[in-house]
Amino acid sequence: MNPSVSAVTEAAVKLGVLSCVSRINQVATFLTANTQSGVFVFPVQSQPDQHIFSTSFELLGAGDSTIYATASFFPNQDAVYDTVEYVNKGCDELEKTVFKNLKRVNVLKKNIVLLDGGAVKVFLMPAGSGTIVIKKEVVQ
């Protein structure tokens, strides 16, 4: 296997998803960088190159952190991905330290804080004594 081509990209090509293969490789490579990963590729129905191609990942990062990620790709080269990770720190602490360079946009309704990182949006959701950190980007 060519190390610059992700396993997800190879799976997409085998399934007949060709129109957005460069975007698939870009996002899959980004998500899996510096991690050990596993992936589930959602079944593609008829005319695979004309419909959404979607994946779900388990990413094992530094310090045994487990991150769930999903990425979906569209025939016009657009893509969207989300990562979801539990962090054993409160929302306020994360906002003031890890995400100190991001601008607080608002609270969605009551508990989930939205931070603006430009193309990437970060959502901080309280979960027990910690926080679920959700990062989302629409790639166009």
N, C-alpha and C. Protein backbone atom coordinates (compact mmCIF):
# COMPACT_ATOMS: atom_id res chain seq x y z
N MET A 1 0.85 -1.19 0.00
CA MET A 1 0.00 0.00 0.00
C MET A 1 0.88 1.25 0.00
N ASN A 2 0.52 2.23 -0.75
CA ASN A 2 1.20 3.51 -0.79
C ASN A 2 0.91 4.22 0.53
N PRO A 3 1.95 4.60 1.32
CA PRO A 3 1.70 5.21 2.63
C PRO A 3 0.97 6.55 2.55
N SER A 4 0.97 7.19 1.39
CA SER A 4 0.27 8.47 1.28
C SER A 4 -1.21 8.29 0.94
N VAL A 5 -1.62 7.03 0.72
CA VAL A 5 -3.03 6.74 0.43
C VAL A 5 -3.60 5.99 1.62
N SER A 6 -4.64 6.55 2.23
CA SER A 6 -5.22 5.92 3.41
C SER A 6 -6.00 4.67 3.03
N ALA A 7 -6.16 3.79 4.02
CA ALA A 7 -6.95 2.57 3.82
C ALA A 7 -8.40 2.92 3.47
N VAL A 8 -8.89 4.01 4.01
CA VAL A 8 -10.27 4.45 3.71
C VAL A 8 -10.37 4.84 2.24
N THR A 9 -9.35 5.52 1.73
CA THR A 9 -9.34 5.91 0.32
C THR A 9 -9.34 4.67 -0.56
N GLU A 10 -8.52 3.69 -0.20
CA GLU A 10 -8.48 2.45 -0.98
C GLU A 10 -9.84 1.75 -0.96
N ALA A 11 -10.50 1.74 0.20
CA ALA A 11 -11.83 1.12 0.30
C ALA A 11 -12.84 1.86 -0.58
N ALA A 12 -12.77 3.18 -0.58
CA ALA A 12 -13.70 3.97 -1.39
C ALA A 12 -13.53 3.65 -2.87
N VAL A 13 -12.29 3.57 -3.33
CA VAL A 13 -12.01 3.27 -4.74
C VAL A 13 -12.56 1.88 -5.08
N LYS A 14 -12.33 0.90 -4.22
CA LYS A 14 -12.83 -0.46 -4.46
C LYS A 14 -14.35 -0.49 -4.55
N LEU A 15 -15.01 0.41 -3.83
CA LEU A 15 -16.48 0.48 -3.85
C LEU A 15 -17.00 1.29 -5.04
N GLY A 16 -16.11 1.95 -5.76
CA GLY A 16 -16.52 2.75 -6.92
C GLY A 16 -16.76 4.21 -6.61
N VAL A 17 -16.31 4.67 -5.46
CA VAL A 17 -16.44 6.08 -5.11
C VAL A 17 -15.17 6.77 -5.60
N LEU A 18 -15.27 7.51 -6.70
CA LEU A 18 -14.09 8.10 -7.33
C LEU A 18 -14.10 9.63 -7.36
N SER A 19 -15.29 10.24 -7.44
CA SER A 19 -15.37 11.69 -7.67
C SER A 19 -14.79 12.51 -6.52
N CYS A 20 -14.78 11.97 -5.31
CA CYS A 20 -14.30 12.75 -4.16
C CYS A 20 -13.13 12.06 -3.47
N VAL A 21 -12.41 11.21 -4.20
CA VAL A 21 -11.35 10.41 -3.60
C VAL A 21 -10.22 11.27 -3.01
N SER A 22 -9.90 12.38 -3.61
CA SER A 22 -8.84 13.22 -3.05
C SER A 22 -9.27 13.83 -1.71
N ARG A 23 -10.53 14.22 -1.61
CA ARG A 23 -11.04 14.78 -0.35
C ARG A 23 -11.10 13.68 0.72
N ILE A 24 -11.49 12.48 0.34
CA ILE A 24 -11.51 11.35 1.28
C ILE A 24 -10.12 11.14 1.84
N ASN A 25 -9.12 11.11 0.98
CA ASN A 25 -7.75 10.89 1.43
C ASN A 25 -7.28 12.03 2.34
N GLN A 26 -7.61 13.25 1.98
CA GLN A 26 -7.21 14.42 2.78
C GLN A 26 -7.77 14.32 4.20
N VAL A 27 -9.07 14.10 4.33
CA VAL A 27 -9.71 14.10 5.64
C VAL A 27 -9.34 12.85 6.44
N ALA A 28 -9.35 11.68 5.81
CA ALA A 28 -9.01 10.45 6.53
C ALA A 28 -7.57 10.49 7.04
N THR A 29 -6.66 11.02 6.25
CA THR A 29 -5.26 11.15 6.67
C THR A 29 -5.14 12.12 7.84
N PHE A 30 -5.87 13.23 7.78
CA PHE A 30 -5.87 14.21 8.86
C PHE A 30 -6.41 13.60 10.15
N LEU A 31 -7.54 12.91 10.07
CA LEU A 31 -8.16 12.35 11.27
C LEU A 31 -7.30 11.28 11.94
N THR A 32 -6.63 10.47 11.15
CA THR A 32 -5.88 9.34 11.70
C THR A 32 -4.41 9.65 12.01
N ALA A 33 -3.97 10.85 11.72
CA ALA A 33 -2.57 11.22 11.97
C ALA A 33 -2.24 11.04 13.45
N ASN A 34 -1.11 10.43 13.74
CA ASN A 34 -0.61 10.23 15.10
C ASN A 34 -1.56 9.45 16.00
N THR A 35 -2.33 8.55 15.41
CA THR A 35 -3.24 7.71 16.19
C THR A 35 -3.14 6.27 15.69
N GLN A 36 -3.68 5.37 16.49
CA GLN A 36 -4.01 4.04 16.01
C GLN A 36 -5.49 4.13 15.71
N SER A 37 -5.94 3.53 14.62
CA SER A 37 -7.33 3.75 14.26
C SER A 37 -7.98 2.50 13.69
N GLY A 38 -9.29 2.47 13.86
CA GLY A 38 -10.14 1.48 13.23
C GLY A 38 -11.25 2.24 12.54
N VAL A 39 -11.82 1.65 11.50
CA VAL A 39 -12.84 2.38 10.74
C VAL A 39 -13.96 1.45 10.30
N PHE A 40 -15.16 1.99 10.25
CA PHE A 40 -16.31 1.32 9.66
C PHE A 40 -16.74 2.15 8.47
N VAL A 41 -16.87 1.51 7.32
CA VAL A 41 -17.34 2.19 6.11
C VAL A 41 -18.80 1.80 5.91
N PHE A 42 -19.67 2.78 5.87
CA PHE A 42 -21.08 2.50 5.67
C PHE A 42 -21.30 1.93 4.27
N PRO A 43 -22.16 0.93 4.17
CA PRO A 43 -22.39 0.30 2.86
C PRO A 43 -22.84 1.32 1.82
N VAL A 44 -22.33 1.16 0.63
CA VAL A 44 -22.70 2.03 -0.48
C VAL A 44 -23.71 1.28 -1.35
N GLN A 45 -24.80 1.92 -1.65
CA GLN A 45 -25.83 1.28 -2.47
C GLN A 45 -25.50 1.46 -3.95
N SER A 46 -26.47 1.44 -4.78
CA SER A 46 -26.25 1.59 -6.22
C SER A 46 -25.69 2.97 -6.53
N GLN A 47 -24.98 3.06 -7.63
CA GLN A 47 -24.37 4.31 -8.10
C GLN A 47 -23.54 4.98 -7.00
N PRO A 48 -22.54 4.29 -6.47
CA PRO A 48 -21.79 4.80 -5.32
C PRO A 48 -21.10 6.14 -5.55
N ASP A 49 -20.78 6.46 -6.78
CA ASP A 49 -20.09 7.72 -7.05
C ASP A 49 -21.03 8.91 -7.13
N GLN A 50 -22.32 8.67 -6.94
CA GLN A 50 -23.29 9.76 -7.02
C GLN A 50 -23.97 10.04 -5.68
N HIS A 51 -23.50 9.37 -4.61
CA HIS A 51 -24.14 9.51 -3.31
C HIS A 51 -23.11 9.73 -2.22
N ILE A 52 -23.59 10.02 -1.03
CA ILE A 52 -22.73 10.23 0.13
C ILE A 52 -21.92 8.97 0.45
N PHE A 53 -20.68 9.17 0.85
CA PHE A 53 -19.80 8.10 1.32
C PHE A 53 -19.49 8.45 2.76
N SER A 54 -19.86 7.57 3.71
CA SER A 54 -19.74 7.91 5.12
C SER A 54 -18.95 6.87 5.90
N THR A 55 -18.20 7.35 6.90
CA THR A 55 -17.32 6.49 7.70
C THR A 55 -17.44 6.86 9.18
N SER A 56 -17.11 5.90 10.04
CA SER A 56 -16.97 6.15 11.48
C SER A 56 -15.65 5.55 11.93
N PHE A 57 -14.92 6.29 12.75
CA PHE A 57 -13.59 5.90 13.21
C PHE A 57 -13.54 5.78 14.73
N GLU A 58 -12.66 4.89 15.20
CA GLU A 58 -12.20 4.93 16.58
C GLU A 58 -10.73 5.29 16.51
N LEU A 59 -10.36 6.37 17.18
CA LEU A 59 -8.99 6.86 17.16
C LEU A 59 -8.42 6.76 18.57
N LEU A 60 -7.28 6.09 18.70
CA LEU A 60 -6.61 5.99 19.99
C LEU A 60 -5.44 6.95 19.97
N GLY A 61 -5.57 8.00 20.77
CA GLY A 61 -4.56 9.05 20.77
C GLY A 61 -3.62 8.97 21.95
N ALA A 62 -2.94 10.06 22.19
CA ALA A 62 -1.97 10.14 23.29
C ALA A 62 -2.66 9.92 24.62
N GLY A 63 -1.95 9.29 25.54
CA GLY A 63 -2.49 9.10 26.87
C GLY A 63 -3.70 8.20 26.92
N ASP A 64 -3.81 7.28 25.98
CA ASP A 64 -4.93 6.34 25.92
C ASP A 64 -6.29 7.02 25.71
N SER A 65 -6.31 8.23 25.18
CA SER A 65 -7.60 8.86 24.91
C SER A 65 -8.28 8.14 23.75
N THR A 66 -9.59 8.01 23.85
CA THR A 66 -10.38 7.40 22.79
C THR A 66 -11.24 8.49 22.18
N ILE A 67 -11.16 8.61 20.87
CA ILE A 67 -11.93 9.62 20.15
C ILE A 67 -12.79 8.91 19.11
N TYR A 68 -14.08 9.27 19.07
CA TYR A 68 -14.96 8.80 18.01
C TYR A 68 -14.98 9.90 16.96
N ALA A 69 -14.83 9.50 15.71
CA ALA A 69 -14.88 10.48 14.62
C ALA A 69 -15.77 9.94 13.52
N THR A 70 -16.44 10.83 12.84
CA THR A 70 -17.22 10.45 11.68
C THR A 70 -16.88 11.43 10.56
N ALA A 71 -16.82 10.92 9.34
CA ALA A 71 -16.54 11.77 8.19
C ALA A 71 -17.44 11.32 7.05
N SER A 72 -18.03 12.29 6.38
CA SER A 72 -18.90 12.00 5.24
C SER A 72 -18.47 12.85 4.06
N PHE A 73 -18.56 12.25 2.89
CA PHE A 73 -18.03 12.86 1.67
C PHE A 73 -19.11 12.87 0.60
N PHE A 74 -19.10 13.93 -0.20
CA PHE A 74 -20.12 14.13 -1.21
C PHE A 74 -19.48 14.20 -2.59
N PRO A 75 -20.19 13.81 -3.64
CA PRO A 75 -19.61 13.77 -4.98
C PRO A 75 -19.02 15.10 -5.47
N ASN A 76 -19.45 16.22 -4.91
CA ASN A 76 -18.94 17.52 -5.35
C ASN A 76 -17.65 17.92 -4.63
N GLN A 77 -17.02 17.01 -3.88
CA GLN A 77 -15.78 17.23 -3.13
C GLN A 77 -15.98 17.84 -1.75
N ASP A 78 -17.22 18.18 -1.35
CA ASP A 78 -17.44 18.66 0.01
C ASP A 78 -17.35 17.48 0.97
N ALA A 79 -17.00 17.80 2.21
CA ALA A 79 -16.93 16.77 3.26
C ALA A 79 -17.28 17.43 4.59
N VAL A 80 -17.66 16.61 5.53
CA VAL A 80 -17.90 17.07 6.89
C VAL A 80 -17.37 16.00 7.84
N TYR A 81 -16.71 16.45 8.91
CA TYR A 81 -16.26 15.50 9.91
C TYR A 81 -16.54 16.04 11.31
N ASP A 82 -16.70 15.11 12.24
CA ASP A 82 -16.88 15.41 13.65
C ASP A 82 -15.96 14.50 14.44
N THR A 83 -15.43 15.02 15.54
CA THR A 83 -14.74 14.16 16.50
C THR A 83 -15.41 14.36 17.85
N VAL A 84 -15.49 13.28 18.62
CA VAL A 84 -16.14 13.33 19.93
C VAL A 84 -15.19 12.66 20.93
N GLU A 85 -14.86 13.40 21.99
CA GLU A 85 -13.91 12.90 22.98
C GLU A 85 -14.35 13.33 24.38
N TYR A 86 -14.27 12.40 25.33
CA TYR A 86 -14.52 12.75 26.73
C TYR A 86 -13.21 13.21 27.35
N VAL A 87 -13.25 14.35 28.04
CA VAL A 87 -12.08 14.88 28.73
C VAL A 87 -12.46 15.06 30.20
N ASN A 88 -11.60 14.60 31.08
CA ASN A 88 -11.90 14.63 32.51
C ASN A 88 -11.56 15.99 33.12
N LYS A 89 -12.04 17.03 32.50
CA LYS A 89 -11.90 18.41 32.99
C LYS A 89 -13.21 19.13 32.69
N GLY A 90 -13.52 20.13 33.50
CA GLY A 90 -14.75 20.88 33.30
C GLY A 90 -14.71 21.78 32.08
N CYS A 91 -15.89 22.15 31.60
CA CYS A 91 -16.01 23.01 30.42
C CYS A 91 -15.28 24.34 30.61
N ASP A 92 -15.47 24.98 31.77
CA ASP A 92 -14.83 26.27 32.00
C ASP A 92 -13.32 26.16 31.95
N GLU A 93 -12.77 25.11 32.56
CA GLU A 93 -11.33 24.92 32.56
C GLU A 93 -10.80 24.71 31.14
N LEU A 94 -11.49 23.88 30.35
CA LEU A 94 -11.07 23.64 28.96
C LEU A 94 -11.13 24.92 28.14
N GLU A 95 -12.20 25.69 28.34
CA GLU A 95 -12.36 26.94 27.59
C GLU A 95 -11.24 27.92 27.91
N LYS A 96 -10.79 27.95 29.17
CA LYS A 96 -9.76 28.90 29.59
C LYS A 96 -8.34 28.42 29.31
N THR A 97 -8.15 27.11 29.06
CA THR A 97 -6.79 26.59 28.86
C THR A 97 -6.63 26.03 27.44
N VAL A 98 -7.17 24.88 27.19
CA VAL A 98 -6.97 24.19 25.90
C VAL A 98 -7.50 25.02 24.74
N PHE A 99 -8.66 25.65 24.92
CA PHE A 99 -9.30 26.39 23.82
C PHE A 99 -9.27 27.90 24.05
N LYS A 100 -8.25 28.38 24.77
CA LYS A 100 -8.18 29.81 25.12
C LYS A 100 -8.09 30.72 23.90
N ASN A 101 -7.64 30.20 22.76
CA ASN A 101 -7.51 31.05 21.56
C ASN A 101 -8.77 31.05 20.71
N LEU A 102 -9.80 30.33 21.14
CA LEU A 102 -11.06 30.30 20.39
C LEU A 102 -12.04 31.28 21.01
N LYS A 103 -12.89 31.83 20.17
CA LYS A 103 -13.87 32.82 20.63
C LYS A 103 -15.18 32.12 21.00
N ARG A 104 -15.69 32.43 22.17
CA ARG A 104 -17.00 31.90 22.57
C ARG A 104 -18.06 32.58 21.73
N VAL A 105 -18.87 31.79 21.03
CA VAL A 105 -19.94 32.34 20.20
C VAL A 105 -21.19 32.49 21.04
N ASN A 106 -21.60 31.39 21.66
CA ASN A 106 -22.78 31.42 22.51
C ASN A 106 -22.97 30.06 23.16
N VAL A 107 -24.09 29.93 23.88
CA VAL A 107 -24.55 28.66 24.41
C VAL A 107 -25.72 28.25 23.52
N LEU A 108 -25.71 27.00 23.02
CA LEU A 108 -26.74 26.60 22.06
C LEU A 108 -28.15 26.74 22.64
N LYS A 109 -28.36 26.24 23.84
CA LYS A 109 -29.65 26.39 24.50
C LYS A 109 -29.45 26.65 25.98
N LYS A 110 -28.86 25.64 26.69
CA LYS A 110 -28.66 25.79 28.12
C LYS A 110 -27.26 25.38 28.57
N ASN A 111 -26.73 24.28 28.04
CA ASN A 111 -25.51 23.71 28.57
C ASN A 111 -24.34 23.60 27.60
N ILE A 112 -24.59 23.59 26.30
CA ILE A 112 -23.53 23.34 25.33
C ILE A 112 -22.97 24.66 24.81
N VAL A 113 -21.66 24.86 25.07
CA VAL A 113 -20.97 26.08 24.67
C VAL A 113 -20.40 25.88 23.27
N LEU A 114 -20.55 26.88 22.42
CA LEU A 114 -19.99 26.87 21.06
C LEU A 114 -18.80 27.82 21.01
N LEU A 115 -17.65 27.27 20.59
CA LEU A 115 -16.44 28.06 20.41
C LEU A 115 -16.09 28.10 18.93
N ASP A 116 -15.63 29.25 18.47
CA ASP A 116 -15.31 29.43 17.06
C ASP A 116 -13.81 29.36 16.83
N GLY A 117 -13.40 28.37 16.04
CA GLY A 117 -12.00 28.23 15.67
C GLY A 117 -11.80 28.46 14.19
N GLY A 118 -12.61 29.35 13.61
CA GLY A 118 -12.56 29.57 12.16
C GLY A 118 -13.36 28.49 11.47
N ALA A 119 -12.70 27.69 10.64
CA ALA A 119 -13.40 26.62 9.93
C ALA A 119 -13.90 25.54 10.89
N VAL A 120 -13.19 25.35 12.00
CA VAL A 120 -13.56 24.32 12.98
C VAL A 120 -14.37 24.95 14.09
N LYS A 121 -15.48 24.33 14.43
CA LYS A 121 -16.29 24.75 15.57
C LYS A 121 -16.10 23.71 16.66
N VAL A 122 -16.03 24.16 17.91
CA VAL A 122 -15.85 23.27 19.05
C VAL A 122 -17.05 23.45 19.97
N PHE A 123 -17.65 22.33 20.34
CA PHE A 123 -18.78 22.32 21.24
C PHE A 123 -18.33 21.66 22.53
N LEU A 124 -18.58 22.30 23.67
CA LEU A 124 -18.23 21.77 24.98
C LEU A 124 -19.52 21.41 25.70
N MET A 125 -19.68 20.12 26.02
CA MET A 125 -20.90 19.64 26.64
C MET A 125 -20.56 19.00 27.99
N PRO A 126 -21.13 19.52 29.09
CA PRO A 126 -20.85 18.94 30.40
C PRO A 126 -21.26 17.47 30.43
N ALA A 127 -20.42 16.64 31.11
CA ALA A 127 -20.71 15.21 31.24
C ALA A 127 -20.14 14.74 32.57
N GLY A 128 -20.96 14.67 33.60
CA GLY A 128 -20.47 14.31 34.92
C GLY A 128 -19.45 15.32 35.38
N SER A 129 -18.28 14.84 35.81
CA SER A 129 -17.24 15.76 36.27
C SER A 129 -16.37 16.26 35.12
N GLY A 130 -16.63 15.77 33.91
CA GLY A 130 -15.82 16.15 32.76
C GLY A 130 -16.62 16.82 31.66
N THR A 131 -16.09 16.73 30.46
CA THR A 131 -16.67 17.41 29.31
C THR A 131 -16.57 16.52 28.09
N ILE A 132 -17.62 16.51 27.30
CA ILE A 132 -17.54 15.90 25.97
C ILE A 132 -17.18 17.03 25.02
N VAL A 133 -16.06 16.85 24.32
CA VAL A 133 -15.57 17.85 23.38
C VAL A 133 -15.89 17.36 21.97
N ILE A 134 -16.66 18.17 21.25
CA ILE A 134 -17.05 17.81 19.89
C ILE A 134 -16.46 18.88 18.96
N LYS A 135 -15.67 18.42 17.99
CA LYS A 135 -15.11 19.33 16.99
C LYS A 135 -15.77 18.99 15.65
N LYS A 136 -16.17 20.02 14.92
CA LYS A 136 -16.85 19.81 13.64
C LYS A 136 -16.31 20.80 12.62
N GLU A 137 -16.09 20.26 11.40
CA GLU A 137 -15.65 21.12 10.32
C GLU A 137 -16.34 20.69 9.04
N VAL A 138 -16.85 21.64 8.29
CA VAL A 138 -17.36 21.41 6.94
C VAL A 138 -16.25 21.85 5.99
N VAL A 139 -15.76 20.91 5.18
CA VAL A 139 -14.65 21.17 4.27
C VAL A 139 -15.22 21.36 2.87
N GLN A 140 -15.01 22.55 2.30
CA GLN A 140 -15.55 22.84 0.97
C GLN A 140 -14.45 23.24 0.03
